[in-house]
């Protein structure tokens, strides 16, 4: 019932495939996290802050998203 548990038990039989399965199964099934970052970026970069450098904008977005 749990794909992660199954691949963990089968890791000795299929080592390469097991690592690949862990990688693929770890990908989020929705785009919500990326959409959340775009929303935060829209809030941070506004007309009043149009002169921000890309480096500073990245820092503001990181701080806004992670606080």
N, C-alpha and C. Protein backbone atom coordinates (compact mmCIF):
# COMPACT_ATOMS: atom_id res chain seq x y z
N UNK A 1 0.81 -1.20 0.00
CA UNK A 1 0.00 0.00 0.00
C UNK A 1 0.86 1.26 0.00
N UNK A 2 2.08 1.18 0.53
CA UNK A 2 2.97 2.34 0.57
C UNK A 2 4.14 2.11 -0.39
N UNK A 3 4.23 2.86 -1.47
CA UNK A 3 5.31 2.63 -2.43
C UNK A 3 6.70 2.82 -1.84
N UNK A 4 6.86 3.79 -0.93
CA UNK A 4 8.17 4.01 -0.31
C UNK A 4 8.61 2.79 0.49
N UNK A 5 7.70 2.22 1.25
CA UNK A 5 8.02 1.04 2.05
C UNK A 5 8.38 -0.13 1.14
N UNK A 6 7.64 -0.31 0.04
CA UNK A 6 7.93 -1.41 -0.86
C UNK A 6 9.31 -1.27 -1.48
N UNK A 7 9.64 -0.07 -1.95
CA UNK A 7 10.96 0.14 -2.56
C UNK A 7 12.06 0.00 -1.53
N UNK A 8 11.79 0.32 -0.28
CA UNK A 8 12.81 0.16 0.77
C UNK A 8 13.12 -1.33 0.96
N UNK A 9 12.10 -2.18 0.94
CA UNK A 9 12.33 -3.61 1.12
C UNK A 9 12.96 -4.23 -0.13
N UNK A 10 12.75 -3.64 -1.29
CA UNK A 10 13.27 -4.18 -2.54
C UNK A 10 14.59 -3.52 -2.97
N UNK A 11 15.15 -2.67 -2.12
CA UNK A 11 16.36 -1.92 -2.49
C UNK A 11 17.55 -2.84 -2.76
N UNK A 12 17.65 -3.94 -2.03
CA UNK A 12 18.77 -4.85 -2.27
C UNK A 12 18.62 -5.60 -3.59
N UNK A 13 17.40 -5.84 -4.02
CA UNK A 13 17.15 -6.54 -5.28
C UNK A 13 17.29 -5.61 -6.48
N UNK A 14 16.79 -4.39 -6.35
CA UNK A 14 16.81 -3.41 -7.44
C UNK A 14 17.45 -2.11 -6.95
N UNK A 15 18.78 -2.07 -6.76
CA UNK A 15 19.39 -0.86 -6.17
C UNK A 15 19.24 0.40 -7.02
N UNK A 16 19.51 0.31 -8.31
CA UNK A 16 19.41 1.51 -9.16
C UNK A 16 17.97 1.96 -9.33
N UNK A 17 17.10 1.00 -9.57
CA UNK A 17 15.69 1.32 -9.74
C UNK A 17 15.08 1.86 -8.46
N UNK A 18 15.55 1.36 -7.34
CA UNK A 18 15.06 1.83 -6.04
C UNK A 18 15.41 3.30 -5.83
N UNK A 19 16.65 3.67 -6.15
CA UNK A 19 17.05 5.08 -6.02
C UNK A 19 16.24 5.97 -6.95
N UNK A 20 16.02 5.50 -8.17
CA UNK A 20 15.24 6.28 -9.12
C UNK A 20 13.79 6.43 -8.65
N UNK A 21 13.23 5.35 -8.11
CA UNK A 21 11.84 5.40 -7.62
C UNK A 21 11.71 6.39 -6.47
N UNK A 22 12.69 6.40 -5.57
CA UNK A 22 12.65 7.36 -4.45
C UNK A 22 12.69 8.79 -4.97
N UNK A 23 13.49 9.01 -6.02
CA UNK A 23 13.58 10.34 -6.62
C UNK A 23 12.25 10.75 -7.24
N UNK A 24 11.66 9.86 -8.04
CA UNK A 24 10.42 10.16 -8.74
C UNK A 24 9.25 10.27 -7.77
N UNK A 25 9.19 9.40 -6.78
CA UNK A 25 8.08 9.43 -5.84
C UNK A 25 8.15 10.64 -4.91
N UNK A 26 9.32 11.26 -4.81
CA UNK A 26 9.47 12.42 -3.95
C UNK A 26 9.03 13.73 -4.59
N UNK A 27 8.68 13.69 -5.87
CA UNK A 27 8.23 14.89 -6.58
C UNK A 27 6.80 15.21 -6.18
N UNK A 28 6.51 16.44 -5.77
CA UNK A 28 5.14 16.79 -5.39
C UNK A 28 4.16 16.59 -6.56
N UNK A 29 2.98 16.15 -6.24
CA UNK A 29 1.98 15.87 -7.27
C UNK A 29 1.24 17.13 -7.72
N UNK A 30 1.43 18.24 -7.03
CA UNK A 30 0.74 19.47 -7.40
C UNK A 30 1.74 20.59 -7.63
N UNK A 31 1.27 21.66 -8.18
CA UNK A 31 2.12 22.83 -8.42
C UNK A 31 1.93 23.90 -7.36
N UNK A 32 1.31 23.53 -6.24
CA UNK A 32 1.01 24.51 -5.20
C UNK A 32 2.27 25.19 -4.65
N UNK A 33 3.35 24.44 -4.33
CA UNK A 33 4.52 25.14 -3.80
C UNK A 33 5.09 26.19 -4.75
N UNK A 34 5.17 25.88 -6.04
CA UNK A 34 5.71 26.87 -6.98
C UNK A 34 4.75 28.04 -7.15
N UNK A 35 3.46 27.77 -7.14
CA UNK A 35 2.49 28.86 -7.26
C UNK A 35 2.54 29.77 -6.05
N UNK A 36 2.82 29.20 -4.89
CA UNK A 36 2.93 29.99 -3.67
C UNK A 36 4.11 30.96 -3.78
N UNK A 37 5.22 30.51 -4.36
CA UNK A 37 6.40 31.37 -4.53
C UNK A 37 6.09 32.49 -5.53
N UNK A 38 5.39 32.17 -6.63
CA UNK A 38 5.02 33.21 -7.59
C UNK A 38 4.10 34.24 -6.95
N UNK A 39 3.20 33.79 -6.11
CA UNK A 39 2.30 34.72 -5.42
C UNK A 39 3.09 35.63 -4.49
N UNK A 40 4.04 35.05 -3.77
CA UNK A 40 4.90 35.85 -2.88
C UNK A 40 5.70 36.86 -3.70
N UNK A 41 6.21 36.42 -4.85
CA UNK A 41 6.99 37.34 -5.70
C UNK A 41 6.12 38.50 -6.17
N UNK A 42 4.87 38.22 -6.49
CA UNK A 42 3.96 39.29 -6.90
C UNK A 42 3.70 40.27 -5.79
N UNK A 43 3.69 39.79 -4.54
CA UNK A 43 3.50 40.68 -3.40
C UNK A 43 4.74 41.52 -3.13
N UNK A 44 5.91 40.92 -3.32
CA UNK A 44 7.17 41.60 -2.99
C UNK A 44 7.55 42.61 -4.06
N UNK A 45 7.47 42.21 -5.32
CA UNK A 45 7.89 43.09 -6.41
C UNK A 45 6.66 43.86 -6.89
N UNK A 46 6.61 45.11 -6.53
CA UNK A 46 5.48 45.96 -6.89
C UNK A 46 5.99 47.21 -7.61
N UNK A 47 5.09 48.08 -7.95
CA UNK A 47 5.48 49.31 -8.64
C UNK A 47 6.41 50.17 -7.78
N UNK A 48 6.18 50.13 -6.45
CA UNK A 48 7.02 50.93 -5.56
C UNK A 48 8.44 50.36 -5.46
N UNK A 49 8.56 49.07 -5.72
CA UNK A 49 9.87 48.43 -5.61
C UNK A 49 10.41 48.03 -6.99
N UNK A 50 10.08 48.76 -8.00
CA UNK A 50 10.49 48.39 -9.36
C UNK A 50 11.98 48.58 -9.59
N UNK A 51 12.66 49.31 -8.72
CA UNK A 51 14.10 49.54 -8.89
C UNK A 51 14.96 48.53 -8.14
N UNK A 52 14.35 47.48 -7.59
CA UNK A 52 15.13 46.46 -6.90
C UNK A 52 16.02 45.71 -7.88
N UNK A 53 17.22 45.42 -7.45
CA UNK A 53 18.06 44.55 -8.28
C UNK A 53 17.53 43.13 -8.18
N UNK A 54 17.88 42.31 -9.12
CA UNK A 54 17.39 40.93 -9.10
C UNK A 54 17.90 40.18 -7.87
N UNK A 55 19.11 40.50 -7.43
CA UNK A 55 19.67 39.86 -6.25
C UNK A 55 18.87 40.23 -5.00
N UNK A 56 18.55 41.49 -4.85
CA UNK A 56 17.76 41.93 -3.70
C UNK A 56 16.33 41.40 -3.76
N UNK A 57 15.77 41.35 -4.96
CA UNK A 57 14.42 40.81 -5.10
C UNK A 57 14.40 39.34 -4.70
N UNK A 58 15.40 38.57 -5.11
CA UNK A 58 15.50 37.17 -4.72
C UNK A 58 15.57 37.03 -3.20
N UNK A 59 16.33 37.89 -2.57
CA UNK A 59 16.47 37.84 -1.11
C UNK A 59 15.14 38.16 -0.42
N UNK A 60 14.44 39.19 -0.91
CA UNK A 60 13.14 39.55 -0.33
C UNK A 60 12.13 38.42 -0.50
N UNK A 61 12.12 37.81 -1.67
CA UNK A 61 11.18 36.70 -1.93
C UNK A 61 11.50 35.53 -1.01
N UNK A 62 12.78 35.22 -0.86
CA UNK A 62 13.17 34.12 0.03
C UNK A 62 12.74 34.41 1.45
N UNK A 63 13.01 35.61 1.93
CA UNK A 63 12.62 35.96 3.30
C UNK A 63 11.12 35.97 3.48
N UNK A 64 10.39 36.51 2.52
CA UNK A 64 8.93 36.56 2.64
C UNK A 64 8.31 35.18 2.62
N UNK A 65 8.87 34.30 1.80
CA UNK A 65 8.31 32.96 1.67
C UNK A 65 8.66 32.08 2.87
N UNK A 66 9.78 32.31 3.50
CA UNK A 66 10.26 31.45 4.58
C UNK A 66 10.06 31.99 5.98
N UNK A 67 9.36 33.09 6.10
CA UNK A 67 9.12 33.63 7.45
C UNK A 67 7.69 33.37 7.86
